[in-house]
Amino acid sequence: FAGVAGRVCMDRRLLEGEHRPTSAAAQAWALVACKDLPLKRAKWRTTICELLLPALLCSLMVIGVAAATVDKVEAQDFAPRGPVDALGSLLLPSWLLSGASIPTGGLPTPALFSNLSAPGWVPPLWLYLLYASGKTNFTGGHRFPPYRHSASMAGQPARRCRHNCTLEQFVVVPDSPAVRTLVEALLARVHTAQLEFAAAARPLGLMRGMPAPVVPRYLDSEAELDSRAYEGDTIWAAVVFSELGGGGSELGGGGGGDGGGGGGNWSYTLRFNASNVPSTRRLFDRFATGRSRRFEPYYSSGFLSLQHALNDAILARETGGALRPPSAYGVPFPVPAYQHSVFFDFAGNLIGILAIFSLLVPLSSLLRSVVLEREQRLKEQLLIMGTAPPAYYTSLLATSAAAFLLISAVCAAEIGLSCYTHSDGVLVLLLFLLFGLATLAFTLAMAPLFSNARLAALVGPLLYFLSSQLYSFFLEGGELSDGQVGAKALASLLPAMAFYL
């Protein structure tokens, strides 16, 4: 015990017949009053640290929110306001404007086009390739797939093009006469359109030359495509045909008939580098500020342009050029006016770290106390003295839960009032209280793993913190990924991971 007074109090209340509590509740209260509270008072510095440290840590959130810049954004409607506005998204697409030097004839850009923040028109493949090669004065020399700077592709097999760039491969599967005819006709139309545009744009100073032509590489099967990709070939895009018209005949592992222009079903799959297009496991952007830009890589990778060109080529082949697919134009949903604090762009993971650090000191104290009692056989002594096991465990849980719940309430008050201003305060408080109780249970579950109190006080908090770092396995592009429900449920058995997720 902390001192002689505590021992005398415990002996008098538990051993003397006229004072000895008989009920488990009375014994639990006696243990709290004569064992746990004196210990807390004896270690008053640790007790104060347990309460002040969370308040100081969580005050960082309050200070950050108060000092951060708040951006006020007006309501945004991305629908084009007329033909000129719609044309602006084709000539100056939003995914192309970063770092670009845009010739506007001395006029400010908004005077030409009032809405350049949305992706808008899907550029035809010939125009996308001009943009991607950096041959236009719209891009400021920036290149997009399939054109890359050679420095980023060092040591990888690829076909070189002029002006120090690397041309990634355009792969087509399978290698059949029908496929070759379709793809060669598509690329011929692309080359012709580029020549016509260059003839008109060069006198205006909008072109710096012609891009290297995209040359298809034909493979017999998708398995061969996978093998090439695993071997490190730099592949921009792969088109895998499964049906080639001509009555809708399906393709096997490779080859295929002519599939001439006699009608039927055409079916193909576009395969792109996973780093160039958004993940298909994420259906929508849950954490967008204003308009989400997560899906713009469908434009900047050439995915939509290639898809539109293939549809155009197939329809022209089947109808003899009588029909053309309509142009595609993407319009995001409108965004209402909102205010955004830039502090919250970085505060997501900080909330979890502060909540975890706030509970490290009480976790260490509790773990040390439990292991120390086991070392000194205190539990056995109390049971010999007549203490009921439910009374012992109740006193332990009551004292520990009071500390964890109080700290959780402090965290909920500071973080909730500063960060979760649009959330129900009761739910925020309940979240933190449950997190505190889960951490308490985790601490008691770790206690049997240690036989030395000092080692437990040092290693226990470290294990608790390291358990939160499993969060990195569920990140995708720096944000929490969708899916992996089973793995997330398993990881949520750890309280730190449950709070993070």
Protein backbone atom coordinates (compact mmCIF):
# COMPACT_ATOMS: atom_id res chain seq x y z
CA PHE A 1 0.00 0.00 0.00
CA ALA A 2 0.98 3.65 -0.35
CA GLY A 3 1.48 4.08 3.40
CA VAL A 4 0.70 2.93 6.91
CA ALA A 5 -2.58 4.86 6.95
CA GLY A 6 -3.86 2.97 3.93
CA ARG A 7 -2.91 -0.38 5.48
CA VAL A 8 -4.57 0.50 8.77
CA CYS A 9 -7.73 1.64 6.95
CA MET A 10 -7.81 -1.57 4.94
CA ASP A 11 -7.18 -3.78 7.97
CA ARG A 12 -9.80 -2.06 10.10
CA ARG A 13 -12.54 -2.10 7.48
CA LEU A 14 -11.91 -5.59 6.12
CA LEU A 15 -10.77 -7.55 9.18
CA GLU A 16 -12.55 -6.14 12.22
CA GLY A 17 -15.82 -7.92 12.52
CA GLU A 18 -18.02 -4.97 13.40
CA HIS A 19 -16.63 -2.90 10.49
CA ARG A 20 -16.11 -5.58 7.88
CA PRO A 21 -18.41 -5.07 4.81
CA THR A 22 -20.36 -8.16 3.92
CA SER A 23 -21.80 -7.24 0.51
CA ALA A 24 -19.67 -7.11 -2.63
CA ALA A 25 -20.74 -3.51 -3.28
CA ALA A 26 -19.63 -2.39 0.17
CA GLN A 27 -16.32 -4.20 -0.20
CA ALA A 28 -15.79 -2.61 -3.62
CA TRP A 29 -16.39 0.84 -2.14
CA ALA A 30 -14.01 0.07 0.71
CA LEU A 31 -11.31 -0.92 -1.79
CA VAL A 32 -11.84 2.25 -3.78
CA ALA A 33 -11.77 4.47 -0.71
CA CYS A 34 -8.90 2.80 1.11
CA LYS A 35 -6.72 1.44 -1.72
CA ASP A 36 -7.27 3.09 -5.08
CA LEU A 37 -7.88 6.71 -4.02
CA PRO A 38 -4.92 6.83 -1.62
CA LEU A 39 -2.74 5.49 -4.40
CA LYS A 40 -3.97 8.24 -6.72
CA ARG A 41 -3.28 10.85 -4.04
CA ALA A 42 0.15 9.44 -3.33
CA LYS A 43 1.04 9.71 -7.04
CA TRP A 44 -0.58 13.10 -7.49
CA ARG A 45 1.92 14.22 -10.13
CA THR A 46 1.02 11.29 -12.37
CA THR A 47 -2.68 11.88 -11.77
CA ILE A 48 -2.39 15.55 -12.75
CA CYS A 49 -0.37 14.59 -15.83
CA GLU A 50 -3.06 12.10 -16.84
CA LEU A 51 -5.65 14.90 -16.86
CA LEU A 52 -3.62 17.86 -18.12
CA LEU A 53 -1.79 16.13 -20.96
CA PRO A 54 -4.99 15.29 -22.92
CA ALA A 55 -6.28 18.83 -22.40
CA LEU A 56 -3.03 20.31 -23.70
CA LEU A 57 -2.79 17.92 -26.64
CA CYS A 58 -6.38 18.45 -27.76
CA SER A 59 -5.98 22.20 -27.39
CA LEU A 60 -3.74 21.98 -30.46
CA MET A 61 -6.89 21.28 -32.47
CA VAL A 62 -8.62 24.30 -30.96
CA ILE A 63 -5.62 26.54 -31.73
CA GLY A 64 -5.28 25.13 -35.25
CA VAL A 65 -8.93 25.74 -36.08
CA ALA A 66 -8.84 29.25 -34.62
CA ALA A 67 -5.65 30.24 -36.46
CA ALA A 68 -6.41 28.59 -39.81
CA THR A 69 -7.51 30.46 -42.88
CA VAL A 70 -11.15 29.97 -43.83
CA ASP A 71 -11.92 29.98 -47.54
CA LYS A 72 -15.40 31.10 -48.55
CA VAL A 73 -16.48 29.58 -51.85
CA GLU A 74 -19.55 30.70 -53.73
CA ALA A 75 -22.02 28.27 -55.27
CA GLN A 76 -20.65 26.65 -58.42
CA ASP A 77 -22.61 25.51 -61.44
CA PHE A 78 -20.42 23.72 -63.97
CA ALA A 79 -22.88 23.54 -66.85
CA PRO A 80 -21.65 25.48 -69.91
CA ARG A 81 -23.39 28.81 -70.43
CA GLY A 82 -23.21 28.67 -74.19
CA PRO A 83 -21.31 27.27 -77.18
CA VAL A 84 -18.22 29.38 -76.50
CA ASP A 85 -18.12 28.23 -72.89
CA ALA A 86 -18.45 24.59 -73.96
CA LEU A 87 -15.68 25.06 -76.51
CA GLY A 88 -13.41 26.37 -73.76
CA SER A 89 -13.34 23.01 -72.03
CA LEU A 90 -12.19 21.42 -75.27
CA LEU A 91 -9.44 23.94 -76.10
CA LEU A 92 -8.34 24.59 -72.52
CA PRO A 93 -9.34 21.51 -70.48
CA SER A 94 -9.00 21.82 -66.71
CA TRP A 95 -6.75 18.75 -66.41
CA LEU A 96 -4.29 20.45 -68.77
CA LEU A 97 -4.05 23.89 -67.20
CA SER A 98 -1.72 23.18 -64.29
CA GLY A 99 1.55 24.97 -64.94
CA ALA A 100 0.57 25.79 -68.53
CA SER A 101 1.39 28.93 -70.45
CA ILE A 102 -1.84 29.75 -72.23
CA PRO A 103 -1.89 32.20 -75.17
CA THR A 104 -4.99 34.39 -74.84
CA GLY A 105 -4.13 37.29 -77.08
CA GLY A 106 -3.67 39.62 -74.12
CA LEU A 107 -7.17 39.00 -72.80
CA PRO A 108 -7.75 37.49 -69.37
CA THR A 109 -8.83 33.88 -69.60
CA PRO A 110 -12.29 34.47 -67.99
CA ALA A 111 -13.04 36.93 -70.79
CA LEU A 112 -12.74 34.09 -73.27
CA PHE A 113 -14.35 31.26 -71.35
CA SER A 114 -16.28 31.73 -68.12
CA ASN A 115 -16.09 28.14 -66.93
CA LEU A 116 -12.74 26.36 -67.11
CA SER A 117 -12.85 24.52 -63.76
CA ALA A 118 -14.79 21.46 -64.97
CA PRO A 119 -13.39 18.73 -67.24
CA GLY A 120 -16.20 19.20 -69.77
CA TRP A 121 -15.74 17.96 -73.31
CA VAL A 122 -13.97 14.67 -73.90
CA PRO A 123 -11.27 15.59 -76.47
CA PRO A 124 -11.10 13.41 -79.56
CA LEU A 125 -8.14 11.08 -79.57
CA TRP A 126 -6.16 13.10 -82.11
CA LEU A 127 -6.45 16.23 -80.00
CA TYR A 128 -5.66 14.39 -76.78
CA LEU A 129 -2.45 13.03 -78.32
CA LEU A 130 -1.46 16.56 -79.36
CA TYR A 131 -2.00 17.75 -75.81
CA ALA A 132 -0.26 14.71 -74.31
CA SER A 133 2.86 15.10 -76.48
CA GLY A 134 3.39 18.71 -75.38
CA LYS A 135 3.46 19.91 -78.99
CA THR A 136 0.84 22.60 -78.43
CA ASN A 137 1.48 25.88 -76.66
CA PHE A 138 -1.44 25.10 -74.32
CA THR A 139 0.51 22.64 -72.18
CA GLY A 140 3.65 24.51 -71.23
CA GLY A 141 5.72 21.48 -72.28
CA HIS A 142 3.97 19.08 -69.91
CA ARG A 143 3.47 15.56 -71.22
CA PHE A 144 0.81 12.99 -70.46
CA PRO A 145 0.45 9.29 -71.33
CA PRO A 146 1.54 7.83 -73.73
CA TYR A 147 4.33 10.47 -73.91
CA ARG A 148 6.79 10.63 -71.07
CA HIS A 149 10.09 12.31 -70.30
CA SER A 150 12.94 9.88 -70.79
CA ALA A 151 14.28 10.50 -67.26
CA SER A 152 11.22 8.88 -65.73
CA MET A 153 11.58 5.79 -67.87
CA ALA A 154 15.29 5.10 -67.53
CA GLY A 155 16.20 1.48 -67.96
CA GLN A 156 12.77 0.38 -69.18
CA PRO A 157 12.08 -0.97 -72.67
CA ALA A 158 10.21 1.60 -74.70
CA ARG A 159 10.25 3.21 -78.12
CA ARG A 160 11.94 6.61 -78.23
CA CYS A 161 10.43 9.62 -79.91
CA ARG A 162 11.86 12.99 -80.80
CA HIS A 163 12.56 15.74 -78.25
CA ASN A 164 13.72 13.43 -75.43
CA CYS A 165 10.49 11.64 -74.62
CA THR A 166 9.45 8.04 -74.28
CA LEU A 167 6.46 6.64 -76.13
CA GLU A 168 4.60 4.07 -74.11
CA GLN A 169 3.12 1.09 -75.91
CA PHE A 170 -0.38 0.81 -77.27
CA VAL A 171 -1.25 -2.90 -77.14
CA VAL A 172 -4.11 -4.58 -78.97
CA VAL A 173 -5.39 -8.11 -78.32
CA PRO A 174 -5.92 -10.35 -80.26
CA ASP A 175 -3.88 -10.19 -83.43
CA SER A 176 -6.51 -10.85 -86.11
CA PRO A 177 -7.30 -9.30 -89.51
CA ALA A 178 -10.50 -7.70 -88.25
CA VAL A 179 -8.74 -6.10 -85.31
CA ARG A 180 -5.86 -4.86 -87.45
CA THR A 181 -8.24 -3.34 -89.97
CA LEU A 182 -10.24 -1.56 -87.27
CA VAL A 183 -7.22 -0.18 -85.37
CA GLU A 184 -5.33 0.92 -88.49
CA ALA A 185 -8.40 2.79 -89.74
CA LEU A 186 -8.75 4.46 -86.32
CA LEU A 187 -5.11 5.58 -86.24
CA ALA A 188 -5.27 6.76 -89.85
CA ARG A 189 -8.17 9.07 -88.98
CA VAL A 190 -6.21 10.31 -85.95
CA HIS A 191 -3.15 11.13 -88.08
CA THR A 192 -5.24 12.87 -90.75
CA ALA A 193 -7.01 15.03 -88.17
CA GLN A 194 -3.69 16.01 -86.59
CA LEU A 195 -2.29 17.06 -89.95
CA GLU A 196 -5.35 19.18 -90.70
CA PHE A 197 -5.20 20.84 -87.30
CA ALA A 198 -1.45 21.48 -87.61
CA ALA A 199 -1.93 23.14 -91.00
CA ALA A 200 -4.39 25.59 -89.44
CA ALA A 201 -2.61 26.07 -86.10
CA ARG A 202 0.99 26.62 -87.22
CA PRO A 203 0.37 30.07 -88.74
CA LEU A 204 -1.18 31.13 -85.40
CA GLY A 205 1.81 29.91 -83.41
CA LEU A 206 -0.16 27.22 -81.58
CA MET A 207 1.94 24.23 -82.65
CA ARG A 208 5.55 23.24 -82.12
CA GLY A 209 5.63 20.24 -84.41
CA MET A 210 3.89 16.91 -84.82
CA PRO A 211 3.90 14.23 -82.14
CA ALA A 212 5.39 10.83 -82.74
CA PRO A 213 2.70 8.53 -84.13
CA VAL A 214 1.21 5.87 -81.89
CA VAL A 215 2.11 2.47 -83.33
CA PRO A 216 0.01 -0.46 -82.07
CA ARG A 217 1.59 -3.64 -80.82
CA TYR A 218 -0.53 -6.73 -81.47
CA LEU A 219 -0.49 -9.70 -79.13
CA ASP A 220 -2.23 -13.02 -79.48
CA SER A 221 -3.76 -13.33 -76.01
CA GLU A 222 -4.45 -11.46 -72.81
CA ALA A 223 -2.12 -13.82 -70.96
CA GLU A 224 0.73 -12.58 -73.14
CA LEU A 225 -0.29 -9.02 -72.30
CA ASP A 226 -0.10 -9.80 -68.59
CA SER A 227 3.29 -11.38 -69.07
CA ARG A 228 4.62 -8.31 -70.88
CA ALA A 229 3.31 -6.03 -68.13
CA TYR A 230 4.91 -8.13 -65.38
CA GLU A 231 8.21 -8.07 -67.26
CA GLY A 232 8.23 -4.26 -67.07
CA ASP A 233 7.08 -3.15 -70.51
CA THR A 234 5.85 0.46 -70.43
CA ILE A 235 2.27 0.09 -71.63
CA TRP A 236 0.02 3.12 -72.01
CA ALA A 237 -3.20 1.31 -72.89
CA ALA A 238 -4.36 -2.13 -73.95
CA VAL A 239 -7.53 -2.93 -75.88
CA VAL A 240 -8.71 -6.51 -75.46
CA PHE A 241 -11.49 -7.52 -77.85
CA SER A 242 -13.78 -10.35 -76.82
CA GLU A 243 -16.32 -10.03 -79.69
CA LEU A 244 -15.70 -8.79 -83.21
CA GLY A 245 -19.11 -8.30 -84.80
CA GLY A 246 -19.83 -10.58 -87.73
CA GLY A 247 -22.85 -12.12 -86.02
CA GLY A 248 -21.47 -11.55 -82.52
CA SER A 249 -18.92 -14.38 -82.59
CA GLU A 250 -16.92 -14.57 -79.38
CA LEU A 251 -13.17 -14.84 -79.36
CA GLY A 252 -11.33 -17.58 -77.62
CA GLY A 253 -7.85 -17.29 -76.24
CA GLY A 254 -6.64 -15.63 -79.41
CA GLY A 255 -7.28 -15.16 -83.07
CA GLY A 256 -10.74 -14.52 -84.48
CA GLY A 257 -12.51 -14.17 -87.76
CA ASP A 258 -12.72 -11.20 -90.04
CA GLY A 259 -15.84 -9.88 -88.36
CA GLY A 260 -16.57 -7.69 -91.35
CA GLY A 261 -19.15 -4.96 -91.51
CA GLY A 262 -22.09 -7.33 -91.41
CA GLY A 263 -23.38 -6.22 -88.02
CA GLY A 264 -23.21 -8.03 -84.75
CA ASN A 265 -21.81 -7.31 -81.30
CA TRP A 266 -18.47 -5.72 -80.60
CA SER A 267 -17.11 -6.07 -77.11
CA TYR A 268 -13.79 -4.89 -75.76
CA THR A 269 -12.04 -4.07 -72.50
CA LEU A 270 -9.73 -1.11 -71.90
CA ARG A 271 -6.81 -1.82 -69.58
CA PHE A 272 -4.66 1.07 -68.31
CA ASN A 273 -1.81 1.49 -65.91
CA ALA A 274 -3.32 1.52 -62.42
CA SER A 275 -1.39 4.67 -61.51
CA ASN A 276 -2.87 6.60 -64.45
CA VAL A 277 -6.58 6.05 -63.79
CA PRO A 278 -8.74 6.18 -60.64
CA SER A 279 -9.27 3.01 -58.67
CA THR A 280 -12.42 1.17 -59.68
CA ARG A 281 -12.90 0.14 -56.03
CA ARG A 282 -13.89 3.71 -55.12
CA LEU A 283 -17.37 4.61 -56.35
CA PHE A 284 -17.35 8.23 -55.20
CA ASP A 285 -15.16 10.72 -53.36
CA ARG A 286 -16.31 10.81 -49.74
CA PHE A 287 -13.93 13.56 -48.65
CA ALA A 288 -14.11 16.05 -51.50
CA THR A 289 -13.86 19.75 -50.77
CA GLY A 290 -16.17 21.34 -53.32
CA ARG A 291 -15.88 19.60 -56.67
CA SER A 292 -13.94 16.37 -56.59
CA ARG A 293 -11.01 16.02 -58.98
CA ARG A 294 -10.49 12.34 -58.27
CA PHE A 295 -11.96 11.20 -61.58
CA GLU A 296 -10.19 13.67 -63.87
CA PRO A 297 -7.48 11.06 -64.66
CA TYR A 298 -10.06 9.44 -66.93
CA TYR A 299 -9.50 12.55 -69.07
CA SER A 300 -5.78 13.09 -68.52
CA SER A 301 -4.84 9.43 -69.15
CA GLY A 302 -6.61 9.32 -72.51
CA PHE A 303 -9.06 6.66 -71.31
CA LEU A 304 -12.20 8.49 -72.43
CA SER A 305 -10.63 9.73 -75.66
CA LEU A 306 -9.54 6.22 -76.64
CA GLN A 307 -12.93 4.79 -75.72
CA HIS A 308 -14.71 7.39 -77.85
CA ALA A 309 -12.34 6.78 -80.77
CA LEU A 310 -12.93 3.02 -80.64
CA ASN A 311 -16.70 3.47 -80.55
CA ASP A 312 -16.46 5.85 -83.49
CA ALA A 313 -14.32 3.41 -85.49
CA ILE A 314 -16.64 0.46 -84.78
CA LEU A 315 -19.76 2.42 -85.69
CA ALA A 316 -18.14 3.75 -88.88
CA ARG A 317 -17.11 0.21 -89.84
CA GLU A 318 -20.56 -1.24 -89.24
CA THR A 319 -22.53 1.56 -90.92
CA GLY A 320 -20.11 2.49 -93.67
CA GLY A 321 -19.57 5.91 -92.07
CA ALA A 322 -23.25 6.83 -92.07
CA LEU A 323 -23.44 7.13 -88.27
CA ARG A 324 -21.13 8.73 -85.75
CA PRO A 325 -21.39 8.51 -81.96
CA PRO A 326 -22.36 11.73 -80.19
CA SER A 327 -19.64 13.75 -78.51
CA ALA A 328 -19.22 13.16 -74.79
CA TYR A 329 -19.38 16.05 -72.34
CA GLY A 330 -18.92 15.65 -68.58
CA VAL A 331 -20.71 18.02 -66.21
CA PRO A 332 -20.20 17.64 -62.45
CA PHE A 333 -23.08 18.14 -60.08
CA PRO A 334 -23.38 21.74 -58.85
CA VAL A 335 -21.77 22.61 -55.52
CA PRO A 336 -23.57 24.92 -53.05
CA ALA A 337 -21.73 27.76 -51.34
CA TYR A 338 -19.53 26.57 -48.47
CA GLN A 339 -16.75 27.58 -46.10
CA HIS A 340 -13.62 25.51 -45.76
CA SER A 341 -10.85 25.76 -43.17
CA VAL A 342 -7.53 24.75 -44.70
CA PHE A 343 -6.56 23.27 -41.33
CA PHE A 344 -8.89 20.34 -41.96
CA ASP A 345 -6.89 19.35 -45.04
CA PHE A 346 -4.26 18.04 -42.61
CA ALA A 347 -6.24 17.38 -39.42
CA GLY A 348 -7.75 14.01 -40.31
CA ASN A 349 -4.98 11.76 -38.99
CA LEU A 350 -4.02 14.32 -36.33
CA ILE A 351 -7.29 13.74 -34.46
CA GLY A 352 -6.55 10.03 -34.11
CA ILE A 353 -2.97 10.62 -33.00
CA LEU A 354 -4.00 13.15 -30.35
CA ALA A 355 -6.72 10.86 -29.01
CA ILE A 356 -4.26 7.96 -28.78
CA PHE A 357 -1.52 10.04 -27.13
CA SER A 358 -4.04 11.36 -24.61
CA LEU A 359 -4.60 7.83 -23.29
CA LEU A 360 -0.97 6.70 -23.21
CA VAL A 361 -0.25 7.94 -19.68
CA PRO A 362 -3.33 6.40 -18.00
CA LEU A 363 -2.75 3.22 -19.99
CA SER A 364 0.82 3.01 -18.72
CA SER A 365 -0.23 3.76 -15.11
CA LEU A 366 -3.00 1.18 -15.12
CA LEU A 367 -0.83 -1.49 -16.72
CA ARG A 368 1.94 -0.89 -14.20
CA SER A 369 -0.51 -0.99 -11.28
CA VAL A 370 -2.13 -4.25 -12.36
CA VAL A 371 1.17 -6.02 -13.02
CA LEU A 372 2.66 -4.69 -9.78
CA GLU A 373 -0.29 -6.04 -7.76
CA ARG A 374 0.27 -9.42 -9.38
CA GLU A 375 4.00 -9.28 -8.56
CA GLN A 376 3.31 -8.51 -4.89
CA ARG A 377 0.48 -11.06 -4.60
CA LEU A 378 -1.84 -8.31 -3.43
CA LYS A 379 -4.90 -9.89 -5.00
CA GLU A 380 -4.30 -13.15 -3.17
CA GLN A 381 -3.83 -11.29 0.12
CA LEU A 382 -7.13 -9.46 -0.33
CA LEU A 383 -8.97 -12.68 -1.13
CA ILE A 384 -7.48 -14.33 1.98
CA MET A 385 -8.69 -11.36 4.01
CA GLY A 386 -12.24 -12.03 2.85
CA THR A 387 -12.60 -9.77 -0.17
CA ALA A 388 -15.05 -11.13 -2.71
CA PRO A 389 -13.58 -11.46 -6.25
CA PRO A 390 -16.43 -9.36 -7.76
CA ALA A 391 -15.61 -6.59 -5.28
CA TYR A 392 -11.92 -6.61 -6.26
CA TYR A 393 -12.60 -6.45 -9.99
CA THR A 394 -15.37 -3.86 -9.54
CA SER A 395 -13.06 -1.51 -7.65
CA LEU A 396 -10.37 -1.95 -10.28
CA LEU A 397 -12.74 -1.25 -13.16
CA ALA A 398 -14.49 1.63 -11.40
CA THR A 399 -11.32 3.56 -10.66
CA SER A 400 -9.78 2.91 -14.06
CA ALA A 401 -12.98 3.59 -16.00
CA ALA A 402 -13.44 6.89 -14.18
CA ALA A 403 -9.99 8.04 -15.33
CA PHE A 404 -10.41 6.84 -18.93
CA LEU A 405 -13.93 8.25 -19.25
CA LEU A 406 -12.92 11.62 -17.83
CA ILE A 407 -10.02 11.90 -20.27
CA SER A 408 -12.26 10.81 -23.15
CA ALA A 409 -14.82 13.46 -22.18
CA VAL A 410 -12.11 16.14 -22.19
CA CYS A 411 -11.00 15.05 -25.67
CA ALA A 412 -14.58 14.97 -26.91
CA ALA A 413 -15.25 18.47 -25.59
CA GLU A 414 -12.18 20.09 -27.14
CA ILE A 415 -12.09 18.19 -30.43
CA GLY A 416 -15.86 17.99 -30.84
CA LEU A 417 -16.52 21.71 -30.30
CA SER A 418 -13.67 22.74 -32.61
CA CYS A 419 -13.77 20.12 -35.37
CA TYR A 420 -17.14 18.33 -35.36
CA THR A 421 -19.27 21.47 -35.41
CA HIS A 422 -21.83 19.94 -37.79
CA SER A 423 -22.14 16.65 -35.90
CA ASP A 424 -24.43 15.71 -33.05
CA GLY A 425 -22.57 16.48 -29.83
CA VAL A 426 -24.06 13.47 -28.07
CA LEU A 427 -22.80 11.12 -30.78
CA VAL A 428 -19.33 12.68 -30.68
CA LEU A 429 -19.21 12.28 -26.91
CA LEU A 430 -20.42 8.69 -27.18
CA LEU A 431 -17.72 7.94 -29.76
CA PHE A 432 -14.92 9.13 -27.49
CA LEU A 433 -16.36 7.47 -24.38
CA LEU A 434 -16.61 4.13 -26.17
CA PHE A 435 -13.08 4.60 -27.44
CA GLY A 436 -11.90 5.18 -23.87
CA LEU A 437 -13.66 2.05 -22.61
CA ALA A 438 -12.25 0.01 -25.51
CA THR A 439 -8.76 1.22 -24.62
CA LEU A 440 -9.38 0.25 -21.00
CA ALA A 441 -10.35 -3.27 -22.06
CA PHE A 442 -7.28 -3.45 -24.33
CA THR A 443 -5.05 -2.44 -21.41
CA LEU A 444 -6.46 -5.10 -19.11
CA ALA A 445 -6.11 -7.68 -21.90
CA MET A 446 -2.39 -6.84 -22.21
CA ALA A 447 -1.71 -7.16 -18.48
CA PRO A 448 -1.30 -10.99 -18.44
CA LEU A 449 1.43 -10.68 -21.07
CA PHE A 450 3.82 -9.02 -18.60
CA SER A 451 5.47 -10.20 -15.41
CA ASN A 452 7.48 -7.05 -14.74
CA ALA A 453 5.65 -3.83 -13.88
CA ARG A 454 8.33 -1.47 -15.18
CA LEU A 455 8.56 -3.33 -18.50
CA ALA A 456 4.77 -3.29 -18.81
CA ALA A 457 4.67 0.48 -18.24
CA LEU A 458 7.16 1.00 -21.08
CA VAL A 459 6.17 -1.63 -23.65
CA GLY A 460 2.39 -1.47 -23.23
CA PRO A 461 1.97 2.11 -24.52
CA LEU A 462 4.38 1.32 -27.36
CA LEU A 463 2.29 -1.67 -28.46
CA TYR A 464 -0.86 0.43 -28.25
CA PHE A 465 0.65 3.12 -30.47
CA LEU A 466 2.07 0.62 -32.95
CA SER A 467 -1.34 -1.00 -33.29
CA SER A 468 -2.65 2.29 -34.70
CA GLN A 469 -0.04 2.23 -37.49
CA LEU A 470 -1.84 -0.65 -39.19
CA TYR A 471 -3.93 2.17 -40.60
CA SER A 472 -1.35 2.62 -43.36
CA PHE A 473 -2.32 -0.76 -44.86
CA PHE A 474 -5.78 0.63 -45.65
CA LEU A 475 -4.64 3.83 -47.35
CA GLU A 476 -4.89 4.41 -51.06
CA GLY A 477 -3.39 7.60 -52.40
CA GLY A 478 -3.12 8.93 -48.87
CA GLU A 479 -6.80 8.38 -48.09
CA LEU A 480 -8.79 5.57 -46.57
CA SER A 481 -9.64 3.05 -49.27
CA ASP A 482 -13.03 1.52 -49.94
CA GLY A 483 -13.65 -2.20 -49.62
CA GLN A 484 -11.47 -4.60 -47.60
CA VAL A 485 -14.40 -5.01 -45.23
CA GLY A 486 -13.15 -8.26 -43.71
CA ALA A 487 -9.65 -6.94 -43.06
CA LYS A 488 -11.00 -3.70 -41.60
CA ALA A 489 -13.38 -5.60 -39.31
CA LEU A 490 -10.51 -7.75 -38.07
CA ALA A 491 -8.26 -4.72 -37.51
CA SER A 492 -11.08 -2.96 -35.65
CA LEU A 493 -10.65 -5.43 -32.80
CA LEU A 494 -7.79 -3.12 -31.85
CA PRO A 495 -9.32 0.03 -30.32
CA ALA A 496 -6.81 2.39 -31.96
CA MET A 497 -7.61 0.97 -35.39
CA ALA A 498 -11.35 1.06 -34.71
CA PHE A 499 -11.08 4.77 -33.90
CA TYR A 500 -8.97 5.50 -36.99
CA LEU A 501 -11.21 3.55 -39.35
